[in-house]
Amino acid sequence: MGCIAFIIDKLKEARHIAADNPDGEMIVYLLDIAIVEAEEEQRRREDNGPSPIR
Protein backbone atom coordinates (compact mmCIF):
# COMPACT_ATOMS: atom_id res chain seq x y z
CA MET A 1 0.00 0.00 0.00
CA GLY A 2 1.40 3.35 -1.02
CA CYS A 3 1.68 6.35 1.24
CA ILE A 4 -1.34 8.16 -0.23
CA ALA A 5 -3.46 4.99 -0.13
CA PHE A 6 -2.59 4.65 3.57
CA ILE A 7 -3.56 8.27 4.21
CA ILE A 8 -6.85 7.85 2.34
CA ASP A 9 -7.61 4.74 4.40
CA LYS A 10 -6.95 6.61 7.67
CA LEU A 11 -9.02 9.62 6.53
CA LYS A 12 -11.94 7.30 5.77
CA GLU A 13 -11.62 5.65 9.18
CA ALA A 14 -11.63 9.08 10.84
CA ARG A 15 -14.68 10.08 8.78
CA HIS A 16 -16.63 7.05 10.01
CA ILE A 17 -15.75 7.88 13.61
CA ALA A 18 -16.74 11.53 13.13
CA ALA A 19 -20.00 10.51 11.45
CA ASP A 20 -20.98 8.65 14.62
CA ASN A 21 -20.63 11.88 16.60
CA PRO A 22 -23.83 13.97 16.50
CA ASP A 23 -21.77 17.19 16.49
CA GLY A 24 -19.30 15.96 13.87
CA GLU A 25 -20.94 17.44 10.78
CA MET A 26 -18.20 20.00 10.09
CA ILE A 27 -15.47 17.44 10.70
CA VAL A 28 -17.14 15.00 8.30
CA TYR A 29 -17.36 17.77 5.69
CA LEU A 30 -13.67 18.65 6.07
CA LEU A 31 -12.63 15.00 5.98
CA ASP A 32 -14.67 14.52 2.79
CA ILE A 33 -12.71 17.37 1.21
CA ALA A 34 -9.40 15.87 2.37
CA ILE A 35 -10.38 12.45 0.98
CA VAL A 36 -11.29 13.91 -2.42
CA GLU A 37 -8.02 15.88 -2.55
CA ALA A 38 -5.97 12.81 -1.61
CA GLU A 39 -7.74 10.65 -4.21
CA GLU A 40 -7.09 13.30 -6.88
CA GLU A 41 -3.42 13.45 -5.90
CA GLN A 42 -3.23 9.65 -6.07
CA ARG A 43 -4.69 9.72 -9.61
CA ARG A 44 -2.26 12.49 -10.65
CA ARG A 45 0.68 10.49 -9.37
CA GLU A 46 -0.50 7.37 -11.19
CA ASP A 47 -0.84 9.38 -14.42
CA ASN A 48 2.19 11.70 -14.20
CA GLY A 49 4.47 10.62 -11.39
CA PRO A 50 4.92 12.58 -8.15
CA SER A 51 3.80 16.21 -8.00
CA PRO A 52 6.39 18.89 -7.27
CA ILE A 53 6.64 20.00 -3.66
CA ARG A 54 4.44 23.02 -3.03
PDB file of N, CA and C in Angstrom:
ATOM      1  N   MET A   1       0.854  -1.174   0.000  1.00  0.00           N
ATOM      2  CA  MET A   1       0.000   0.000   0.000  1.00  0.00           C
ATOM      3  C   MET A   1       0.899   1.235   0.000  1.00  0.00           C
ATOM      4  N   GLY A   2       0.621   2.126  -0.921  1.00  0.00           N
ATOM      5  CA  GLY A   2       1.399   3.349  -1.016  1.00  0.00           C
ATOM      6  C   GLY A   2       1.049   4.324   0.091  1.00  0.00           C
ATOM      7  N   CYS A   3       1.853   5.341   0.194  1.00  0.00           N
ATOM      8  CA  CYS A   3       1.681   6.349   1.236  1.00  0.00           C
ATOM      9  C   CYS A   3       0.317   7.038   1.131  1.00  0.00           C
ATOM     10  N   ILE A   4      -0.063   7.447  -0.066  1.00  0.00           N
ATOM     11  CA  ILE A   4      -1.337   8.157  -0.228  1.00  0.00           C
ATOM     12  C   ILE A   4      -2.502   7.208   0.031  1.00  0.00           C
ATOM     13  N   ALA A   5      -2.399   5.965  -0.396  1.00  0.00           N
ATOM     14  CA  ALA A   5      -3.465   4.990  -0.132  1.00  0.00           C
ATOM     15  C   ALA A   5      -3.639   4.797   1.373  1.00  0.00           C
ATOM     16  N   PHE A   6      -2.539   4.770   2.111  1.00  0.00           N
ATOM     17  CA  PHE A   6      -2.592   4.647   3.565  1.00  0.00           C
ATOM     18  C   PHE A   6      -3.290   5.865   4.173  1.00  0.00           C
ATOM     19  N   ILE A   7      -2.947   7.047   3.699  1.00  0.00           N
ATOM     20  CA  ILE A   7      -3.555   8.274   4.206  1.00  0.00           C
ATOM     21  C   ILE A   7      -5.051   8.287   3.908  1.00  0.00           C
ATOM     22  N   ILE A   8      -5.441   7.898   2.697  1.00  0.00           N
ATOM     23  CA  ILE A   8      -6.855   7.849   2.337  1.00  0.00           C
ATOM     24  C   ILE A   8      -7.595   6.886   3.262  1.00  0.00           C
ATOM     25  N   ASP A   9      -7.001   5.730   3.516  1.00  0.00           N
ATOM     26  CA  ASP A   9      -7.608   4.741   4.403  1.00  0.00           C
ATOM     27  C   ASP A   9      -7.839   5.333   5.795  1.00  0.00           C
ATOM     28  N   LYS A  10      -6.836   6.024   6.327  1.00  0.00           N
ATOM     29  CA  LYS A  10      -6.954   6.612   7.665  1.00  0.00           C
ATOM     30  C   LYS A  10      -7.965   7.756   7.686  1.00  0.00           C
ATOM     31  N   LEU A  11      -8.022   8.550   6.612  1.00  0.00           N
ATOM     32  CA  LEU A  11      -9.016   9.617   6.527  1.00  0.00           C
ATOM     33  C   LEU A  11     -10.430   9.038   6.528  1.00  0.00           C
ATOM     34  N   LYS A  12     -10.616   7.934   5.813  1.00  0.00           N
ATOM     35  CA  LYS A  12     -11.937   7.303   5.766  1.00  0.00           C
ATOM     36  C   LYS A  12     -12.316   6.719   7.124  1.00  0.00           C
ATOM     37  N   GLU A  13     -11.348   6.150   7.829  1.00  0.00           N
ATOM     38  CA  GLU A  13     -11.616   5.655   9.179  1.00  0.00           C
ATOM     39  C   GLU A  13     -12.034   6.806  10.098  1.00  0.00           C
ATOM     40  N   ALA A  14     -11.308   7.915  10.018  1.00  0.00           N
ATOM     41  CA  ALA A  14     -11.628   9.080  10.843  1.00  0.00           C
ATOM     42  C   ALA A  14     -13.003   9.626  10.490  1.00  0.00           C
ATOM     43  N   ARG A  15     -13.361   9.585   9.207  1.00  0.00           N
ATOM     44  CA  ARG A  15     -14.675  10.077   8.784  1.00  0.00           C
ATOM     45  C   ARG A  15     -15.792   9.240   9.385  1.00  0.00           C
ATOM     46  N   HIS A  16     -15.613   7.922   9.418  1.00  0.00           N
ATOM     47  CA  HIS A  16     -16.632   7.047  10.012  1.00  0.00           C
ATOM     48  C   HIS A  16     -16.784   7.330  11.504  1.00  0.00           C
ATOM     49  N   ILE A  17     -15.686   7.561  12.175  1.00  0.00           N
ATOM     50  CA  ILE A  17     -15.751   7.880  13.610  1.00  0.00           C
ATOM     51  C   ILE A  17     -16.464   9.212  13.814  1.00  0.00           C
ATOM     52  N   ALA A  18     -16.114  10.212  13.007  1.00  0.00           N
ATOM     53  CA  ALA A  18     -16.739  11.534  13.130  1.00  0.00           C
ATOM     54  C   ALA A  18     -18.226  11.470  12.790  1.00  0.00           C
ATOM     55  N   ALA A  19     -18.591  10.620  11.841  1.00  0.00           N
ATOM     56  CA  ALA A  19     -19.998  10.510  11.450  1.00  0.00           C
ATOM     57  C   ALA A  19     -20.857   9.954  12.578  1.00  0.00           C
ATOM     58  N   ASP A  20     -20.246   9.192  13.474  1.00  0.00           N
ATOM     59  CA  ASP A  20     -20.977   8.651  14.617  1.00  0.00           C
ATOM     60  C   ASP A  20     -21.218   9.698  15.695  1.00  0.00           C
ATOM     61  N   ASN A  21     -20.496  10.803  15.614  1.00  0.00           N
ATOM     62  CA  ASN A  21     -20.634  11.881  16.595  1.00  0.00           C
ATOM     63  C   ASN A  21     -21.722  12.838  16.120  1.00  0.00           C
ATOM     64  N   PRO A  22     -22.746  13.089  16.933  1.00  0.00           N
ATOM     65  CA  PRO A  22     -23.834  13.971  16.501  1.00  0.00           C
ATOM     66  C   PRO A  22     -23.365  15.390  16.159  1.00  0.00           C
ATOM     67  N   ASP A  23     -22.281  15.849  16.746  1.00  0.00           N
ATOM     68  CA  ASP A  23     -21.767  17.194  16.489  1.00  0.00           C
ATOM     69  C   ASP A  23     -20.628  17.191  15.475  1.00  0.00           C
ATOM     70  N   GLY A  24     -20.450  16.090  14.759  1.00  0.00           N
ATOM     71  CA  GLY A  24     -19.304  15.956  13.873  1.00  0.00           C
ATOM     72  C   GLY A  24     -19.545  16.358  12.432  1.00  0.00           C
ATOM     73  N   GLU A  25     -20.612  17.113  12.168  1.00  0.00           N
ATOM     74  CA  GLU A  25     -20.943  17.439  10.775  1.00  0.00           C
ATOM     75  C   GLU A  25     -19.823  18.195  10.068  1.00  0.00           C
ATOM     76  N   MET A  26     -19.260  19.201  10.718  1.00  0.00           N
ATOM     77  CA  MET A  26     -18.202  19.999  10.087  1.00  0.00           C
ATOM     78  C   MET A  26     -16.943  19.150   9.876  1.00  0.00           C
ATOM     79  N   ILE A  27     -16.638  18.306  10.832  1.00  0.00           N
ATOM     80  CA  ILE A  27     -15.465  17.439  10.703  1.00  0.00           C
ATOM     81  C   ILE A  27     -15.653  16.475   9.536  1.00  0.00           C
ATOM     82  N   VAL A  28     -16.851  15.911   9.409  1.00  0.00           N
ATOM     83  CA  VAL A  28     -17.140  15.005   8.299  1.00  0.00           C
ATOM     84  C   VAL A  28     -16.969  15.744   6.975  1.00  0.00           C
ATOM     85  N   TYR A  29     -17.483  16.957   6.905  1.00  0.00           N
ATOM     86  CA  TYR A  29     -17.359  17.769   5.691  1.00  0.00           C
ATOM     87  C   TYR A  29     -15.890  17.999   5.328  1.00  0.00           C
ATOM     88  N   LEU A  30     -15.098  18.388   6.316  1.00  0.00           N
ATOM     89  CA  LEU A  30     -13.672  18.648   6.068  1.00  0.00           C
ATOM     90  C   LEU A  30     -12.923  17.374   5.691  1.00  0.00           C
ATOM     91  N   LEU A  31     -13.266  16.271   6.331  1.00  0.00           N
ATOM     92  CA  LEU A  31     -12.634  14.997   5.977  1.00  0.00           C
ATOM     93  C   LEU A  31     -13.018  14.572   4.564  1.00  0.00           C
ATOM     94  N   ASP A  32     -14.262  14.824   4.162  1.00  0.00           N
ATOM     95  CA  ASP A  32     -14.671  14.523   2.787  1.00  0.00           C
ATOM     96  C   ASP A  32     -13.809  15.293   1.788  1.00  0.00           C
ATOM     97  N   ILE A  33     -13.565  16.563   2.084  1.00  0.00           N
ATOM     98  CA  ILE A  33     -12.711  17.372   1.209  1.00  0.00           C
ATOM     99  C   ILE A  33     -11.303  16.791   1.155  1.00  0.00           C
ATOM    100  N   ALA A  34     -10.755  16.427   2.311  1.00  0.00           N
ATOM    101  CA  ALA A  34      -9.405  15.867   2.373  1.00  0.00           C
ATOM    102  C   ALA A  34      -9.319  14.548   1.599  1.00  0.00           C
ATOM    103  N   ILE A  35     -10.361  13.727   1.697  1.00  0.00           N
ATOM    104  CA  ILE A  35     -10.384  12.449   0.980  1.00  0.00           C
ATOM    105  C   ILE A  35     -10.386  12.686  -0.524  1.00  0.00           C
ATOM    106  N   VAL A  36     -11.228  13.599  -0.986  1.00  0.00           N
ATOM    107  CA  VAL A  36     -11.293  13.906  -2.419  1.00  0.00           C
ATOM    108  C   VAL A  36      -9.945  14.428  -2.913  1.00  0.00           C
ATOM    109  N   GLU A  37      -9.331  15.334  -2.157  1.00  0.00           N
ATOM    110  CA  GLU A  37      -8.023  15.880  -2.550  1.00  0.00           C
ATOM    111  C   GLU A  37      -6.963  14.780  -2.613  1.00  0.00           C
ATOM    112  N   ALA A  38      -6.956  13.889  -1.630  1.00  0.00           N
ATOM    113  CA  ALA A  38      -5.970  12.807  -1.606  1.00  0.00           C
ATOM    114  C   ALA A  38      -6.191  11.845  -2.768  1.00  0.00           C
ATOM    115  N   GLU A  39      -7.453  11.543  -3.078  1.00  0.00           N
ATOM    116  CA  GLU A  39      -7.739  10.654  -4.208  1.00  0.00           C
ATOM    117  C   GLU A  39      -7.318  11.298  -5.528  1.00  0.00           C
ATOM    118  N   GLU A  40      -7.535  12.608  -5.666  1.00  0.00           N
ATOM    119  CA  GLU A  40      -7.092  13.297  -6.882  1.00  0.00           C
ATOM    120  C   GLU A  40      -5.571  13.281  -6.998  1.00  0.00           C
ATOM    121  N   GLU A  41      -4.884  13.495  -5.885  1.00  0.00           N
ATOM    122  CA  GLU A  41      -3.417  13.446  -5.898  1.00  0.00           C
ATOM    123  C   GLU A  41      -2.934  12.047  -6.264  1.00  0.00           C
ATOM    124  N   GLN A  42      -3.606  11.030  -5.746  1.00  0.00           N
ATOM    125  CA  GLN A  42      -3.232   9.655  -6.069  1.00  0.00           C
ATOM    126  C   GLN A  42      -3.390   9.404  -7.571  1.00  0.00           C
ATOM    127  N   ARG A  43      -4.488   9.875  -8.166  1.00  0.00           N
ATOM    128  CA  ARG A  43      -4.687   9.720  -9.613  1.00  0.00           C
ATOM    129  C   ARG A  43      -3.631  10.484 -10.405  1.00  0.00           C
ATOM    130  N   ARG A  44      -3.298  11.708  -9.962  1.00  0.00           N
ATOM    131  CA  ARG A  44      -2.259  12.491 -10.654  1.00  0.00           C
ATOM    132  C   ARG A  44      -0.930  11.761 -10.630  1.00  0.00           C
ATOM    133  N   ARG A  45      -0.596  11.202  -9.479  1.00  0.00           N
ATOM    134  CA  ARG A  45       0.683  10.486  -9.370  1.00  0.00           C
ATOM    135  C   ARG A  45       0.700   9.243 -10.249  1.00  0.00           C
ATOM    136  N   GLU A  46      -0.438   8.565 -10.331  1.00  0.00           N
ATOM    137  CA  GLU A  46      -0.503   7.373 -11.188  1.00  0.00           C
ATOM    138  C   GLU A  46      -0.344   7.763 -12.663  1.00  0.00           C
ATOM    139  N   ASP A  47      -0.891   8.930 -13.034  1.00  0.00           N
ATOM    140  CA  ASP A  47      -0.835   9.378 -14.423  1.00  0.00           C
ATOM    141  C   ASP A  47       0.498  10.040 -14.776  1.00  0.00           C
ATOM    142  N   ASN A  48       1.048  10.839 -13.872  1.00  0.00           N
ATOM    143  CA  ASN A  48       2.193  11.700 -14.201  1.00  0.00           C
ATOM    144  C   ASN A  48       3.423  11.531 -13.332  1.00  0.00           C
ATOM    145  N   GLY A  49       3.381  10.694 -12.348  1.00  0.00           N
ATOM    146  CA  GLY A  49       4.470  10.615 -11.393  1.00  0.00           C
ATOM    147  C   GLY A  49       4.233  11.630 -10.277  1.00  0.00           C
ATOM    148  N   PRO A  50       5.126  11.715  -9.304  1.00  0.00           N
ATOM    149  CA  PRO A  50       4.916  12.580  -8.150  1.00  0.00           C
ATOM    150  C   PRO A  50       4.787  14.057  -8.537  1.00  0.00           C
ATOM    151  N   SER A  51       3.954  14.771  -7.796  1.00  0.00           N
ATOM    152  CA  SER A  51       3.803  16.212  -7.995  1.00  0.00           C
ATOM    153  C   SER A  51       4.983  16.935  -7.381  1.00  0.00           C
ATOM    154  N   PRO A  52       5.312  18.105  -7.911  1.00  0.00           N
ATOM    155  CA  PRO A  52       6.390  18.892  -7.272  1.00  0.00           C
ATOM    156  C   PRO A  52       5.957  19.348  -5.894  1.00  0.00           C
ATOM    157  N   ILE A  53       6.917  19.521  -5.019  1.00  0.00           N
ATOM    158  CA  ILE A  53       6.637  19.998  -3.662  1.00  0.00           C
ATOM    159  C   ILE A  53       6.123  21.421  -3.742  1.00  0.00           C
ATOM    160  N   ARG A  54       5.047  21.682  -2.998  1.00  0.00           N
ATOM    161  CA  ARG A  54       4.443  23.024  -3.033  1.00  0.00           C
ATOM    162  C   ARG A  54       5.045  23.907  -2.000  1.00  0.00           C
TER     163      ARG A  54
END
